[in-house]
Amino acid sequence: MTDSTDSESEPTPDHLLHTGAESPVDPEDLVMASGRTPTPELVEKARKDLEEQGAAAVERLLP
């Protein structure tokens, strides 16, 4: 029987949650969010995507 006070069943404290809106997204972050390893070519494409699309570039990868 599992104890209802099990730490896995408790919600995550607010101070540990963040949306990423606290700081701008770097092109490297955008590449990694897509599941790929940052290479110079992918980072440059991500930089252009961020310039053109802004936050929508991230939102299309992360719900």
N, C-alpha and C. Protein backbone atom coordinates (compact mmCIF):
# COMPACT_ATOMS: atom_id res chain seq x y z
N MET A 1 0.85 -1.18 0.00
CA MET A 1 0.00 0.00 0.00
C MET A 1 0.89 1.24 0.00
N THR A 2 0.54 2.21 -0.81
CA THR A 2 1.33 3.42 -0.93
C THR A 2 0.77 4.49 -0.01
N ASP A 3 1.65 5.15 0.70
CA ASP A 3 1.25 6.24 1.58
C ASP A 3 0.83 7.44 0.75
N SER A 4 -0.27 8.07 1.06
CA SER A 4 -0.77 9.21 0.28
C SER A 4 0.11 10.44 0.42
N THR A 5 1.06 10.43 1.35
CA THR A 5 1.98 11.55 1.49
C THR A 5 3.28 11.30 0.74
N ASP A 6 3.30 10.28 -0.09
CA ASP A 6 4.46 9.98 -0.92
C ASP A 6 4.88 11.22 -1.70
N SER A 7 6.19 11.53 -1.72
CA SER A 7 6.67 12.76 -2.37
C SER A 7 6.36 12.79 -3.86
N GLU A 8 6.18 11.63 -4.49
CA GLU A 8 5.86 11.62 -5.92
C GLU A 8 4.43 12.04 -6.19
N SER A 9 3.57 11.96 -5.19
CA SER A 9 2.18 12.33 -5.41
C SER A 9 1.90 13.79 -5.07
N GLU A 10 2.88 14.49 -4.53
CA GLU A 10 2.69 15.89 -4.18
C GLU A 10 2.97 16.77 -5.40
N PRO A 11 2.27 17.88 -5.53
CA PRO A 11 2.53 18.78 -6.66
C PRO A 11 3.91 19.43 -6.52
N THR A 12 4.47 19.81 -7.63
CA THR A 12 5.76 20.50 -7.64
C THR A 12 5.57 21.90 -7.09
N PRO A 13 6.44 22.31 -6.16
CA PRO A 13 6.32 23.67 -5.61
C PRO A 13 6.48 24.73 -6.70
N ASP A 14 5.73 25.81 -6.57
CA ASP A 14 5.75 26.87 -7.58
C ASP A 14 7.15 27.41 -7.84
N HIS A 15 7.99 27.51 -6.81
CA HIS A 15 9.32 28.09 -7.02
C HIS A 15 10.21 27.21 -7.90
N LEU A 16 9.82 25.97 -8.13
CA LEU A 16 10.59 25.09 -9.00
C LEU A 16 10.07 25.08 -10.43
N LEU A 17 8.91 25.65 -10.66
CA LEU A 17 8.31 25.67 -11.99
C LEU A 17 8.70 26.96 -12.70
N HIS A 18 8.94 26.86 -14.00
CA HIS A 18 9.19 28.05 -14.81
C HIS A 18 8.79 27.76 -16.24
N THR A 19 8.47 28.80 -16.96
CA THR A 19 8.00 28.64 -18.34
C THR A 19 9.08 28.98 -19.36
N GLY A 20 10.14 29.57 -18.91
CA GLY A 20 11.16 30.03 -19.85
C GLY A 20 10.93 31.46 -20.27
N ALA A 21 9.80 32.03 -19.89
CA ALA A 21 9.49 33.41 -20.24
C ALA A 21 10.30 34.40 -19.43
N GLU A 22 11.00 33.91 -18.41
CA GLU A 22 11.78 34.79 -17.57
C GLU A 22 13.01 35.34 -18.28
N SER A 23 13.47 34.64 -19.29
CA SER A 23 14.65 35.08 -20.03
C SER A 23 14.48 34.73 -21.50
N PRO A 24 15.17 35.45 -22.38
CA PRO A 24 15.03 35.16 -23.81
C PRO A 24 15.60 33.79 -24.16
N VAL A 25 15.09 33.21 -25.22
CA VAL A 25 15.56 31.92 -25.70
C VAL A 25 16.74 32.14 -26.63
N ASP A 26 17.81 31.44 -26.38
CA ASP A 26 18.98 31.49 -27.26
C ASP A 26 18.76 30.55 -28.44
N PRO A 27 19.42 30.82 -29.56
CA PRO A 27 19.31 29.90 -30.69
C PRO A 27 19.71 28.46 -30.32
N GLU A 28 20.72 28.33 -29.45
CA GLU A 28 21.14 27.00 -29.02
C GLU A 28 20.01 26.30 -28.28
N ASP A 29 19.27 27.05 -27.44
CA ASP A 29 18.13 26.49 -26.72
C ASP A 29 17.07 25.98 -27.70
N LEU A 30 16.84 26.76 -28.74
CA LEU A 30 15.83 26.37 -29.73
C LEU A 30 16.23 25.08 -30.45
N VAL A 31 17.51 24.96 -30.78
CA VAL A 31 17.99 23.74 -31.44
C VAL A 31 17.82 22.55 -30.50
N MET A 32 18.22 22.71 -29.24
CA MET A 32 18.12 21.61 -28.28
C MET A 32 16.66 21.24 -28.00
N ALA A 33 15.77 22.24 -28.01
CA ALA A 33 14.34 21.95 -27.80
C ALA A 33 13.78 21.09 -28.93
N SER A 34 14.41 21.15 -30.09
CA SER A 34 13.97 20.33 -31.21
C SER A 34 14.53 18.92 -31.14
N GLY A 35 15.39 18.67 -30.13
CA GLY A 35 15.95 17.34 -29.94
C GLY A 35 17.22 17.09 -30.72
N ARG A 36 17.78 18.16 -31.28
CA ARG A 36 19.00 18.01 -32.08
C ARG A 36 20.20 18.60 -31.36
N THR A 37 21.38 18.20 -31.78
CA THR A 37 22.62 18.74 -31.24
C THR A 37 22.94 20.04 -31.96
N PRO A 38 23.26 21.10 -31.20
CA PRO A 38 23.57 22.38 -31.84
C PRO A 38 24.83 22.28 -32.71
N THR A 39 24.67 22.58 -33.97
CA THR A 39 25.80 22.71 -34.90
C THR A 39 25.76 24.14 -35.39
N PRO A 40 26.84 24.64 -35.94
CA PRO A 40 26.82 26.03 -36.42
C PRO A 40 25.68 26.30 -37.41
N GLU A 41 25.40 25.35 -38.28
CA GLU A 41 24.34 25.54 -39.28
C GLU A 41 22.95 25.58 -38.61
N LEU A 42 22.71 24.66 -37.68
CA LEU A 42 21.41 24.64 -37.00
C LEU A 42 21.21 25.86 -36.11
N VAL A 43 22.28 26.30 -35.45
CA VAL A 43 22.20 27.48 -34.60
C VAL A 43 21.88 28.72 -35.44
N GLU A 44 22.49 28.82 -36.60
CA GLU A 44 22.22 29.96 -37.48
C GLU A 44 20.77 29.95 -37.97
N LYS A 45 20.27 28.78 -38.33
CA LYS A 45 18.87 28.66 -38.75
C LYS A 45 17.94 29.04 -37.59
N ALA A 46 18.27 28.57 -36.39
CA ALA A 46 17.46 28.90 -35.21
C ALA A 46 17.49 30.40 -34.93
N ARG A 47 18.65 31.03 -35.12
CA ARG A 47 18.76 32.48 -34.90
C ARG A 47 17.83 33.22 -35.86
N LYS A 48 17.82 32.79 -37.11
CA LYS A 48 16.94 33.42 -38.10
C LYS A 48 15.47 33.17 -37.76
N ASP A 49 15.14 31.95 -37.33
CA ASP A 49 13.77 31.64 -36.94
C ASP A 49 13.31 32.53 -35.79
N LEU A 50 14.18 32.72 -34.80
CA LEU A 50 13.84 33.56 -33.66
C LEU A 50 13.66 35.02 -34.08
N GLU A 51 14.50 35.49 -34.99
CA GLU A 51 14.36 36.87 -35.48
C GLU A 51 13.05 37.06 -36.23
N GLU A 52 12.70 36.09 -37.07
CA GLU A 52 11.51 36.21 -37.90
C GLU A 52 10.21 35.90 -37.15
N GLN A 53 10.24 34.88 -36.29
CA GLN A 53 9.02 34.39 -35.67
C GLN A 53 8.88 34.74 -34.20
N GLY A 54 9.95 35.15 -33.56
CA GLY A 54 9.90 35.46 -32.14
C GLY A 54 9.51 34.24 -31.32
N ALA A 55 8.64 34.44 -30.33
CA ALA A 55 8.23 33.37 -29.43
C ALA A 55 7.54 32.22 -30.16
N ALA A 56 6.94 32.48 -31.30
CA ALA A 56 6.26 31.43 -32.05
C ALA A 56 7.24 30.34 -32.49
N ALA A 57 8.51 30.69 -32.66
CA ALA A 57 9.51 29.68 -33.04
C ALA A 57 9.65 28.63 -31.96
N VAL A 58 9.55 29.04 -30.71
CA VAL A 58 9.63 28.11 -29.59
C VAL A 58 8.30 27.40 -29.40
N GLU A 59 7.22 28.13 -29.51
CA GLU A 59 5.89 27.56 -29.26
C GLU A 59 5.52 26.46 -30.25
N ARG A 60 6.10 26.48 -31.43
CA ARG A 60 5.80 25.42 -32.38
C ARG A 60 6.49 24.12 -31.98
N LEU A 61 7.52 24.21 -31.14
CA LEU A 61 8.21 23.01 -30.66
C LEU A 61 7.70 22.53 -29.31
N LEU A 62 7.39 23.48 -28.45
CA LEU A 62 6.98 23.14 -27.08
C LEU A 62 5.57 23.62 -26.83
N PRO A 63 4.72 22.73 -26.36
CA PRO A 63 3.34 23.13 -26.09
C PRO A 63 3.22 24.10 -24.93
